[in-house]
Amino acid sequence: MQLSGYTTVAVIPWENASGGKAVECTAPGQSCSASFEYMGVAGSTDISVQYFDTNNGAAKYRLYVESTLLDEWAANDHLPTTKIGGDSSTRRRIRGVTLHPHDAIRIEGFPDRDEHAALDYVELAPASQ
């Protein structure tokens, strides 16, 4: 992924994030983004975003394919932790997205207070029924 504004952080214990690391956006009042180029075949795909929802803010996220906004949400669940890890790991699934080879997929994160719009990974799978 290409990161803009996001920085890599260690997650402890390491098994609570991909490879023991996540990315977070710590720039106050600014957004960060993570993007990549879709290299699969054309078709309907489910996009899952694994992120961290801590209880010390309400970060916001937006998911784009090319320049089209597909989804936006707030990380405002009431989970019992202020740290990124297994207790705050959360998944957002966007179903039935039509993708074509070379489409740009971008996630924007908007931190709020001490919640840093942290991301773990993005998963693409054939669309579920």
N, C-alpha and C. Protein backbone atom coordinates (compact mmCIF):
# COMPACT_ATOMS: atom_id res chain seq x y z
N MET A 1 0.84 -1.19 0.00
CA MET A 1 0.00 0.00 0.00
C MET A 1 0.88 1.25 0.00
N GLN A 2 0.37 2.25 -0.63
CA GLN A 2 1.02 3.56 -0.59
C GLN A 2 0.39 4.35 0.55
N LEU A 3 1.22 4.82 1.46
CA LEU A 3 0.73 5.54 2.63
C LEU A 3 1.02 7.02 2.52
N SER A 4 0.06 7.83 2.92
CA SER A 4 0.26 9.27 2.97
C SER A 4 -0.20 9.75 4.35
N GLY A 5 0.76 10.15 5.18
CA GLY A 5 0.46 10.62 6.51
C GLY A 5 0.43 9.53 7.57
N TYR A 6 0.17 8.31 7.18
CA TYR A 6 0.15 7.20 8.13
C TYR A 6 1.57 6.81 8.51
N THR A 7 1.75 6.41 9.77
CA THR A 7 3.03 5.89 10.23
C THR A 7 2.82 4.49 10.81
N THR A 8 3.83 3.67 10.70
CA THR A 8 3.78 2.29 11.18
C THR A 8 4.04 2.27 12.68
N VAL A 9 3.24 1.46 13.39
CA VAL A 9 3.42 1.30 14.84
C VAL A 9 3.40 -0.18 15.17
N ALA A 10 4.14 -0.55 16.20
CA ALA A 10 4.13 -1.93 16.69
C ALA A 10 2.87 -2.15 17.52
N VAL A 11 2.28 -3.33 17.37
CA VAL A 11 1.11 -3.71 18.17
C VAL A 11 1.55 -4.83 19.11
N ILE A 12 1.25 -4.65 20.39
CA ILE A 12 1.67 -5.62 21.40
C ILE A 12 0.42 -6.17 22.09
N PRO A 13 0.29 -7.51 22.15
CA PRO A 13 1.19 -8.51 21.61
C PRO A 13 1.12 -8.54 20.08
N TRP A 14 2.17 -9.00 19.47
CA TRP A 14 2.33 -8.93 18.02
C TRP A 14 1.22 -9.66 17.26
N GLU A 15 0.64 -10.70 17.84
CA GLU A 15 -0.36 -11.48 17.11
C GLU A 15 -1.71 -10.76 16.98
N ASN A 16 -1.84 -9.57 17.55
CA ASN A 16 -3.08 -8.82 17.45
C ASN A 16 -3.15 -7.92 16.23
N ALA A 17 -2.17 -8.01 15.34
CA ALA A 17 -2.19 -7.25 14.09
C ALA A 17 -1.34 -7.99 13.06
N SER A 18 -1.54 -7.67 11.82
CA SER A 18 -0.79 -8.30 10.73
C SER A 18 0.70 -8.06 10.89
N GLY A 19 1.46 -9.13 11.06
CA GLY A 19 2.90 -8.98 11.21
C GLY A 19 3.29 -8.18 12.44
N GLY A 20 2.37 -8.02 13.40
CA GLY A 20 2.68 -7.27 14.61
C GLY A 20 2.70 -5.78 14.43
N LYS A 21 2.21 -5.29 13.28
CA LYS A 21 2.25 -3.86 13.00
C LYS A 21 0.90 -3.36 12.47
N ALA A 22 0.66 -2.10 12.65
CA ALA A 22 -0.51 -1.40 12.11
C ALA A 22 -0.02 -0.03 11.65
N VAL A 23 -0.91 0.75 11.07
CA VAL A 23 -0.58 2.14 10.74
C VAL A 23 -1.58 3.03 11.45
N GLU A 24 -1.11 4.21 11.87
CA GLU A 24 -2.00 5.16 12.51
C GLU A 24 -1.69 6.57 12.02
N CYS A 25 -2.69 7.43 12.15
CA CYS A 25 -2.63 8.81 11.68
C CYS A 25 -2.62 9.72 12.90
N THR A 26 -1.46 10.29 13.21
CA THR A 26 -1.34 11.08 14.43
C THR A 26 -1.30 12.58 14.19
N ALA A 27 -1.44 13.01 12.94
CA ALA A 27 -1.38 14.44 12.63
C ALA A 27 -2.70 15.11 13.02
N PRO A 28 -2.72 15.95 14.05
CA PRO A 28 -3.97 16.59 14.48
C PRO A 28 -4.59 17.43 13.37
N GLY A 29 -5.89 17.28 13.19
CA GLY A 29 -6.61 18.10 12.22
C GLY A 29 -6.36 17.73 10.78
N GLN A 30 -5.66 16.65 10.52
CA GLN A 30 -5.37 16.24 9.14
C GLN A 30 -5.87 14.83 8.91
N SER A 31 -5.99 14.47 7.64
CA SER A 31 -6.36 13.10 7.29
C SER A 31 -5.14 12.38 6.76
N CYS A 32 -5.24 11.06 6.72
CA CYS A 32 -4.20 10.22 6.15
C CYS A 32 -4.86 9.30 5.14
N SER A 33 -4.06 8.68 4.27
CA SER A 33 -4.64 7.75 3.31
C SER A 33 -3.72 6.57 3.07
N ALA A 34 -4.35 5.45 2.71
CA ALA A 34 -3.66 4.23 2.32
C ALA A 34 -4.31 3.78 1.02
N SER A 35 -3.52 3.53 -0.01
CA SER A 35 -4.09 3.19 -1.30
C SER A 35 -3.29 2.09 -1.98
N PHE A 36 -3.95 1.40 -2.90
CA PHE A 36 -3.29 0.38 -3.70
C PHE A 36 -4.07 0.18 -4.99
N GLU A 37 -3.40 -0.46 -5.95
CA GLU A 37 -4.00 -0.74 -7.24
C GLU A 37 -4.53 -2.17 -7.25
N TYR A 38 -5.78 -2.33 -7.66
CA TYR A 38 -6.40 -3.65 -7.75
C TYR A 38 -5.80 -4.38 -8.96
N MET A 39 -5.30 -5.59 -8.72
CA MET A 39 -4.64 -6.35 -9.79
C MET A 39 -5.40 -7.65 -10.14
N GLY A 40 -6.63 -7.80 -9.67
CA GLY A 40 -7.40 -9.00 -9.95
C GLY A 40 -8.20 -8.87 -11.24
N VAL A 41 -9.09 -9.83 -11.44
CA VAL A 41 -9.96 -9.84 -12.61
C VAL A 41 -11.20 -9.00 -12.33
N ALA A 42 -11.84 -8.54 -13.39
CA ALA A 42 -13.05 -7.74 -13.23
C ALA A 42 -14.15 -8.59 -12.61
N GLY A 43 -14.93 -7.96 -11.75
CA GLY A 43 -16.04 -8.69 -11.15
C GLY A 43 -16.51 -8.05 -9.86
N SER A 44 -17.47 -8.73 -9.26
CA SER A 44 -18.06 -8.25 -8.01
C SER A 44 -17.24 -8.76 -6.82
N THR A 45 -16.85 -7.85 -5.96
CA THR A 45 -15.91 -8.15 -4.87
C THR A 45 -16.43 -7.57 -3.56
N ASP A 46 -16.18 -8.29 -2.47
CA ASP A 46 -16.41 -7.74 -1.14
C ASP A 46 -15.08 -7.18 -0.63
N ILE A 47 -15.12 -5.95 -0.15
CA ILE A 47 -13.92 -5.31 0.40
C ILE A 47 -14.09 -5.23 1.92
N SER A 48 -13.16 -5.80 2.66
CA SER A 48 -13.19 -5.73 4.12
C SER A 48 -12.01 -4.90 4.60
N VAL A 49 -12.29 -3.95 5.47
CA VAL A 49 -11.27 -3.09 6.06
C VAL A 49 -11.16 -3.47 7.54
N GLN A 50 -9.99 -3.93 7.95
CA GLN A 50 -9.74 -4.25 9.35
C GLN A 50 -9.08 -3.03 9.97
N TYR A 51 -9.73 -2.45 10.96
CA TYR A 51 -9.24 -1.22 11.59
C TYR A 51 -9.36 -1.37 13.10
N PHE A 52 -8.90 -0.37 13.83
CA PHE A 52 -8.93 -0.40 15.29
C PHE A 52 -9.82 0.71 15.81
N ASP A 53 -10.79 0.34 16.65
CA ASP A 53 -11.76 1.27 17.21
C ASP A 53 -11.54 1.34 18.72
N THR A 54 -10.82 2.34 19.16
CA THR A 54 -10.58 2.52 20.59
C THR A 54 -11.64 3.45 21.17
N ASN A 55 -11.71 3.53 22.49
CA ASN A 55 -12.79 4.31 23.11
C ASN A 55 -12.36 5.71 23.55
N ASN A 56 -11.33 6.24 22.92
CA ASN A 56 -10.85 7.58 23.28
C ASN A 56 -10.98 8.57 22.12
N GLY A 57 -12.04 8.40 21.34
CA GLY A 57 -12.32 9.27 20.20
C GLY A 57 -13.29 8.56 19.28
N ALA A 58 -13.57 9.20 18.16
CA ALA A 58 -14.44 8.62 17.13
C ALA A 58 -13.86 8.95 15.77
N ALA A 59 -12.77 8.26 15.41
CA ALA A 59 -12.15 8.49 14.11
C ALA A 59 -13.16 8.18 13.01
N LYS A 60 -12.93 8.76 11.85
CA LYS A 60 -13.80 8.52 10.70
C LYS A 60 -12.97 7.93 9.56
N TYR A 61 -13.65 7.17 8.72
CA TYR A 61 -13.01 6.52 7.58
C TYR A 61 -13.86 6.71 6.34
N ARG A 62 -13.20 6.75 5.18
CA ARG A 62 -13.88 6.78 3.88
C ARG A 62 -13.17 5.79 2.96
N LEU A 63 -13.95 5.07 2.17
CA LEU A 63 -13.41 4.13 1.20
C LEU A 63 -13.80 4.58 -0.20
N TYR A 64 -12.80 4.71 -1.06
CA TYR A 64 -13.00 5.12 -2.45
C TYR A 64 -12.50 4.03 -3.39
N VAL A 65 -13.17 3.88 -4.53
CA VAL A 65 -12.63 3.16 -5.67
C VAL A 65 -12.56 4.20 -6.78
N GLU A 66 -11.35 4.39 -7.31
CA GLU A 66 -11.08 5.52 -8.20
C GLU A 66 -11.51 6.78 -7.45
N SER A 67 -12.35 7.63 -8.01
CA SER A 67 -12.76 8.85 -7.29
C SER A 67 -14.16 8.74 -6.69
N THR A 68 -14.72 7.53 -6.70
CA THR A 68 -16.08 7.33 -6.20
C THR A 68 -16.06 6.92 -4.72
N LEU A 69 -16.73 7.69 -3.90
CA LEU A 69 -16.88 7.36 -2.48
C LEU A 69 -17.89 6.21 -2.36
N LEU A 70 -17.43 5.07 -1.82
CA LEU A 70 -18.30 3.90 -1.68
C LEU A 70 -18.90 3.77 -0.29
N ASP A 71 -18.16 4.20 0.72
CA ASP A 71 -18.63 4.02 2.09
C ASP A 71 -17.89 4.98 3.00
N GLU A 72 -18.55 5.36 4.08
CA GLU A 72 -17.91 6.13 5.14
C GLU A 72 -18.53 5.73 6.46
N TRP A 73 -17.72 5.74 7.51
CA TRP A 73 -18.20 5.30 8.81
C TRP A 73 -17.36 5.93 9.91
N ALA A 74 -17.91 5.89 11.11
CA ALA A 74 -17.21 6.38 12.29
C ALA A 74 -16.84 5.19 13.17
N ALA A 75 -15.67 5.24 13.76
CA ALA A 75 -15.22 4.23 14.71
C ALA A 75 -15.74 4.64 16.08
N ASN A 76 -17.01 4.37 16.33
CA ASN A 76 -17.63 4.85 17.57
C ASN A 76 -18.34 3.75 18.35
N ASP A 77 -17.85 2.50 18.19
CA ASP A 77 -18.37 1.44 19.04
C ASP A 77 -17.88 1.68 20.48
N HIS A 78 -18.45 0.98 21.42
CA HIS A 78 -18.07 1.14 22.82
C HIS A 78 -17.24 -0.05 23.26
N LEU A 79 -16.01 -0.12 22.76
CA LEU A 79 -15.11 -1.21 23.09
C LEU A 79 -14.27 -0.84 24.31
N PRO A 80 -13.86 -1.82 25.11
CA PRO A 80 -13.25 -1.53 26.42
C PRO A 80 -11.75 -1.26 26.41
N THR A 81 -11.27 -0.45 25.47
CA THR A 81 -9.83 -0.23 25.42
C THR A 81 -9.47 1.11 24.80
N THR A 82 -8.31 1.62 25.19
CA THR A 82 -7.79 2.85 24.60
C THR A 82 -6.58 2.56 23.71
N LYS A 83 -6.26 1.27 23.51
CA LYS A 83 -5.07 0.89 22.73
C LYS A 83 -5.46 0.05 21.52
N ILE A 84 -4.67 0.17 20.46
CA ILE A 84 -4.91 -0.69 19.31
C ILE A 84 -4.42 -2.10 19.63
N GLY A 85 -5.22 -3.08 19.28
CA GLY A 85 -4.89 -4.47 19.57
C GLY A 85 -6.11 -5.35 19.38
N GLY A 86 -6.07 -6.54 19.93
CA GLY A 86 -7.14 -7.51 19.76
C GLY A 86 -8.48 -7.04 20.29
N ASP A 87 -8.49 -6.24 21.36
CA ASP A 87 -9.74 -5.77 21.94
C ASP A 87 -10.40 -4.65 21.14
N SER A 88 -9.65 -4.02 20.25
CA SER A 88 -10.21 -2.92 19.46
C SER A 88 -10.27 -3.24 17.97
N SER A 89 -9.80 -4.41 17.56
CA SER A 89 -9.80 -4.78 16.15
C SER A 89 -11.24 -4.96 15.66
N THR A 90 -11.56 -4.28 14.58
CA THR A 90 -12.92 -4.22 14.06
C THR A 90 -12.89 -4.33 12.54
N ARG A 91 -13.96 -4.89 11.97
CA ARG A 91 -14.02 -5.08 10.52
C ARG A 91 -15.22 -4.37 9.93
N ARG A 92 -14.98 -3.70 8.81
CA ARG A 92 -16.06 -3.08 8.02
C ARG A 92 -16.06 -3.78 6.66
N ARG A 93 -17.21 -4.32 6.25
CA ARG A 93 -17.30 -5.03 4.97
C ARG A 93 -18.22 -4.25 4.04
N ILE A 94 -17.73 -4.00 2.83
CA ILE A 94 -18.51 -3.35 1.80
C ILE A 94 -18.74 -4.42 0.74
N ARG A 95 -19.99 -4.79 0.54
CA ARG A 95 -20.33 -5.94 -0.30
C ARG A 95 -20.66 -5.53 -1.74
N GLY A 96 -20.30 -6.44 -2.65
CA GLY A 96 -20.72 -6.31 -4.04
C GLY A 96 -20.14 -5.12 -4.79
N VAL A 97 -18.88 -4.83 -4.58
CA VAL A 97 -18.22 -3.73 -5.27
C VAL A 97 -17.70 -4.23 -6.62
N THR A 98 -18.06 -3.56 -7.69
CA THR A 98 -17.56 -3.94 -9.01
C THR A 98 -16.18 -3.34 -9.20
N LEU A 99 -15.20 -4.22 -9.37
CA LEU A 99 -13.81 -3.79 -9.57
C LEU A 99 -13.32 -4.21 -10.95
N HIS A 100 -12.41 -3.41 -11.48
CA HIS A 100 -11.76 -3.70 -12.75
C HIS A 100 -10.25 -3.65 -12.53
N PRO A 101 -9.49 -4.39 -13.32
CA PRO A 101 -8.04 -4.33 -13.17
C PRO A 101 -7.55 -2.89 -13.21
N HIS A 102 -6.63 -2.58 -12.33
CA HIS A 102 -5.96 -1.28 -12.21
C HIS A 102 -6.81 -0.21 -11.52
N ASP A 103 -7.98 -0.57 -10.98
CA ASP A 103 -8.73 0.40 -10.19
C ASP A 103 -7.92 0.79 -8.96
N ALA A 104 -7.97 2.06 -8.61
CA ALA A 104 -7.30 2.54 -7.40
C ALA A 104 -8.27 2.45 -6.23
N ILE A 105 -7.84 1.77 -5.16
CA ILE A 105 -8.64 1.66 -3.93
C ILE A 105 -7.94 2.49 -2.87
N ARG A 106 -8.70 3.36 -2.21
CA ARG A 106 -8.10 4.27 -1.23
C ARG A 106 -8.97 4.34 0.03
N ILE A 107 -8.32 4.28 1.17
CA ILE A 107 -8.98 4.48 2.45
C ILE A 107 -8.42 5.75 3.05
N GLU A 108 -9.30 6.64 3.45
CA GLU A 108 -8.88 7.85 4.15
C GLU A 108 -9.27 7.72 5.62
N GLY A 109 -8.37 8.09 6.50
CA GLY A 109 -8.63 8.07 7.93
C GLY A 109 -8.56 9.47 8.50
N PHE A 110 -9.50 9.78 9.37
CA PHE A 110 -9.58 11.09 10.01
C PHE A 110 -9.54 10.89 11.53
N PRO A 111 -8.41 11.14 12.17
CA PRO A 111 -8.32 10.93 13.61
C PRO A 111 -9.24 11.87 14.39
N ASP A 112 -9.60 11.43 15.59
CA ASP A 112 -10.41 12.25 16.50
C ASP A 112 -9.85 12.10 17.90
N ARG A 113 -9.46 13.18 18.50
CA ARG A 113 -8.85 13.19 19.83
C ARG A 113 -7.70 12.17 19.87
N ASP A 114 -7.77 11.17 20.75
CA ASP A 114 -6.67 10.21 20.87
C ASP A 114 -6.92 8.93 20.08
N GLU A 115 -7.94 8.91 19.23
CA GLU A 115 -8.16 7.77 18.34
C GLU A 115 -7.58 8.12 16.98
N HIS A 116 -6.56 7.38 16.55
CA HIS A 116 -5.71 7.75 15.43
C HIS A 116 -6.05 7.10 14.10
N ALA A 117 -7.31 6.74 13.88
CA ALA A 117 -7.75 6.17 12.60
C ALA A 117 -6.83 5.04 12.15
N ALA A 118 -6.48 4.16 13.09
CA ALA A 118 -5.53 3.08 12.82
C ALA A 118 -6.12 2.01 11.91
N LEU A 119 -5.27 1.48 11.02
CA LEU A 119 -5.64 0.43 10.08
C LEU A 119 -4.74 -0.77 10.25
N ASP A 120 -5.31 -1.96 10.02
CA ASP A 120 -4.53 -3.19 10.03
C ASP A 120 -4.35 -3.69 8.60
N TYR A 121 -5.44 -4.03 7.90
CA TYR A 121 -5.31 -4.54 6.54
C TYR A 121 -6.62 -4.37 5.78
N VAL A 122 -6.53 -4.61 4.46
CA VAL A 122 -7.69 -4.64 3.58
C VAL A 122 -7.72 -6.02 2.93
N GLU A 123 -8.91 -6.61 2.89
CA GLU A 123 -9.05 -7.94 2.29
C GLU A 123 -10.08 -7.87 1.16
N LEU A 124 -9.74 -8.47 0.02
CA LEU A 124 -10.64 -8.55 -1.11
C LEU A 124 -11.03 -10.00 -1.31
N ALA A 125 -12.33 -10.25 -1.50
CA ALA A 125 -12.83 -11.62 -1.70
C ALA A 125 -13.96 -11.58 -2.71
N PRO A 126 -14.18 -12.69 -3.43
CA PRO A 126 -15.35 -12.71 -4.34
C PRO A 126 -16.61 -12.35 -3.56
N ALA A 127 -17.51 -11.63 -4.21
CA ALA A 127 -18.73 -11.17 -3.55
C ALA A 127 -19.50 -12.35 -2.98
N SER A 128 -19.97 -12.20 -1.74
CA SER A 128 -20.77 -13.24 -1.10
C SER A 128 -22.22 -13.13 -1.59
N GLN A 129 -22.91 -14.20 -1.46
CA GLN A 129 -24.33 -14.22 -1.89
C GLN A 129 -25.20 -13.60 -0.84
